[in-house]
Protein backbone atom coordinates (compact mmCIF):
# COMPACT_ATOMS: atom_id res chain seq x y z
CA UNK A 1 0.00 0.00 0.00
CA UNK A 2 2.68 2.41 -1.04
CA UNK A 3 1.30 5.96 -1.17
CA UNK A 4 2.84 6.35 -4.62
CA UNK A 5 1.63 3.00 -5.93
CA UNK A 6 -1.93 3.71 -7.04
CA UNK A 7 -3.02 2.42 -10.44
CA UNK A 8 -5.98 4.80 -10.36
CA UNK A 9 -3.75 7.76 -9.59
CA UNK A 10 -1.44 6.86 -12.47
CA UNK A 11 -4.38 6.68 -14.88
CA UNK A 12 -5.63 10.03 -13.59
CA UNK A 13 -2.36 11.60 -14.78
CA UNK A 14 -3.59 11.19 -18.35
CA UNK A 15 -5.22 14.30 -19.83
CA UNK A 16 -7.90 12.09 -21.40
CA UNK A 17 -9.08 10.79 -18.01
CA UNK A 18 -8.88 13.41 -15.27
CA UNK A 19 -10.75 11.39 -12.63
CA UNK A 20 -10.64 7.60 -12.51
CA UNK A 21 -13.98 6.17 -13.58
CA UNK A 22 -14.84 9.11 -15.84
CA UNK A 23 -14.76 8.94 -19.64
CA UNK A 24 -11.37 7.85 -20.92
CA UNK A 25 -10.78 5.44 -18.04
CA UNK A 26 -11.76 2.34 -20.00
CA UNK A 27 -9.50 3.29 -22.91
CA UNK A 28 -6.60 3.87 -20.52
CA UNK A 29 -7.25 0.57 -18.72
CA UNK A 30 -7.35 -1.25 -22.07
CA UNK A 31 -4.08 0.35 -23.15
CA UNK A 32 -2.34 -0.62 -19.90
CA UNK A 33 -3.61 -4.20 -20.15
CA UNK A 34 -2.56 -4.47 -23.80
CA UNK A 35 0.89 -3.16 -22.91
CA UNK A 36 1.28 -5.64 -20.04
CA UNK A 37 0.15 -8.54 -22.22
CA UNK A 38 2.48 -7.63 -25.07
CA UNK A 39 5.75 -7.70 -23.12
CA UNK A 40 7.94 -10.10 -25.10
CA UNK A 41 9.17 -13.39 -23.63
CA UNK A 42 6.87 -13.26 -20.59
CA UNK A 43 4.64 -16.28 -20.15
CA UNK A 44 1.28 -15.35 -18.63
CA UNK A 45 -1.16 -17.54 -16.76
CA UNK A 46 -4.45 -16.78 -15.06
CA UNK A 47 -5.05 -13.10 -14.50
CA UNK A 48 -2.84 -11.03 -16.74
CA UNK A 49 -3.69 -7.40 -17.02
CA UNK A 50 -4.55 -4.34 -15.02
CA UNK A 51 -5.94 -5.08 -11.56
CA UNK A 52 -8.20 -2.68 -9.66
CA UNK A 53 -8.26 -3.81 -6.01
CA UNK A 54 -10.32 -1.19 -4.17
CA UNK A 55 -9.10 -2.03 -0.67
CA UNK A 56 -5.46 -2.20 -1.82
CA UNK A 57 -5.30 1.06 -3.82
CA UNK A 58 -5.64 4.26 -1.79
CA UNK A 59 -6.98 6.33 -4.67
CA UNK A 60 -9.59 3.74 -5.66
CA UNK A 61 -10.63 3.50 -2.00
CA UNK A 62 -11.22 7.25 -1.68
CA UNK A 63 -13.24 7.71 -4.88
CA UNK A 64 -16.92 8.14 -4.09
CA UNK A 65 -17.89 8.13 -7.77
CA UNK A 66 -17.13 4.45 -8.34
CA UNK A 67 -19.74 1.73 -8.31
CA UNK A 68 -19.51 -2.01 -8.60
CA UNK A 69 -21.09 -1.83 -12.05
CA UNK A 70 -18.57 0.79 -13.19
CA UNK A 71 -15.68 -1.36 -11.93
CA UNK A 72 -17.16 -4.39 -13.68
CA UNK A 73 -17.46 -2.41 -16.91
CA UNK A 74 -13.81 -1.30 -16.69
CA UNK A 75 -12.75 -4.86 -15.85
CA UNK A 76 -14.08 -5.99 -19.23
CA UNK A 77 -10.81 -4.64 -20.67
CA UNK A 78 -8.60 -5.45 -17.66
CA UNK A 79 -7.50 -8.51 -15.83
CA UNK A 80 -9.37 -9.39 -12.67
CA UNK A 81 -13.06 -8.45 -12.28
CA UNK A 82 -14.43 -7.22 -8.95
CA UNK A 83 -11.50 -7.17 -6.55
CA UNK A 84 -11.48 -6.38 -2.82
CA UNK A 85 -14.71 -4.37 -2.87
CA UNK A 86 -16.39 -3.82 0.51
CA UNK A 87 -20.15 -4.44 0.49
CA UNK A 88 -22.84 -4.24 3.20
CA UNK A 89 -22.82 -7.10 5.67
CA UNK A 90 -26.56 -7.58 5.21
CA UNK A 91 -26.32 -8.02 1.43
CA UNK A 92 -29.06 -10.35 0.27
CA UNK A 93 -28.27 -13.72 -1.18
CA UNK A 94 -30.17 -12.72 -4.33
CA UNK A 95 -28.15 -9.50 -4.82
CA UNK A 96 -24.86 -11.31 -4.30
CA UNK A 97 -25.89 -14.11 -6.67
CA UNK A 98 -26.88 -11.54 -9.31
CA UNK A 99 -23.51 -9.81 -9.02
CA UNK A 100 -21.69 -13.13 -9.38
CA UNK A 101 -23.82 -13.90 -12.44
CA UNK A 102 -22.80 -10.59 -14.02
CA UNK A 103 -19.12 -11.34 -13.43
CA UNK A 104 -19.56 -14.88 -14.79
CA UNK A 105 -21.38 -13.59 -17.87
CA UNK A 106 -18.56 -11.17 -18.63
CA UNK A 107 -15.94 -13.87 -18.06
CA UNK A 108 -17.76 -16.29 -20.37
CA UNK A 109 -18.39 -13.66 -23.04
CA UNK A 110 -14.71 -12.69 -23.26
CA UNK A 111 -13.35 -16.17 -22.41
CA UNK A 112 -11.15 -14.81 -19.64
CA UNK A 113 -10.82 -15.51 -15.93
CA UNK A 114 -12.52 -12.90 -13.73
CA UNK A 115 -13.08 -12.99 -9.99
CA UNK A 116 -15.73 -11.58 -7.71
CA UNK A 117 -13.81 -10.91 -4.51
CA UNK A 118 -16.13 -8.87 -2.34
CA UNK A 119 -15.87 -8.25 1.40
CA UNK A 120 -19.23 -8.24 3.22
CA UNK A 121 -18.63 -5.98 6.23
CA UNK A 122 -20.78 -6.97 9.25
CA UNK A 123 -22.94 -4.27 10.82
CA UNK A 124 -22.15 -1.77 8.04
CA UNK A 125 -24.40 -0.35 5.35
CA UNK A 126 -23.67 1.07 1.92
CA UNK A 127 -22.00 4.46 2.16
CA UNK A 128 -20.56 3.83 5.62
CA UNK A 129 -16.79 3.62 6.00
CA UNK A 130 -14.88 0.45 6.71
CA UNK A 131 -12.61 0.35 9.74
CA UNK A 132 -9.99 -2.24 8.84
CA UNK A 133 -6.84 -2.21 10.92
CA UNK A 134 -4.48 -3.90 8.51
CA UNK A 135 -1.24 -2.84 6.84
CA UNK A 136 -2.48 -4.69 3.72
CA UNK A 137 -5.80 -2.89 3.23
CA UNK A 138 -6.95 0.70 3.18
CA UNK A 139 -10.36 1.88 4.27
CA UNK A 140 -13.13 2.80 1.87
CA UNK A 141 -16.80 3.56 1.71
CA UNK A 142 -18.92 0.45 1.45
CA UNK A 143 -20.30 -0.07 -2.06
CA UNK A 144 -24.00 -0.78 -2.54
CA UNK A 145 -24.86 -3.96 -4.40
CA UNK A 146 -27.64 -2.79 -6.71
């Protein structure tokens, strides 16, 4: 969790993006993934591309304009899917199943591995802040699952 190690912050340095998640973000994410996948003489397996782990990227964690659907859309040109996203602890089974179905549909459509690594946070609702005490995660607002 290096303060200077944010993928979102790096993408925001591009004039075409401005704020991560705004127009231009998907094109930038696609370009980064294409660049990573075209490095010569590097064998790739599993996830190979840009990763957007909300609870491991300080800039992603502080953005209040992101949604799970926006991250899933961007992941269609990246490498991992929904990664370390905090969700309400009382998320319904139906909502969680629907989210997993969306990730699976995208993975099947593009024939690529995608994950759905969400963190249900007990006793917290969408919009509330997490309170993790870990050197490996940063805190974020809890994303609604809609």
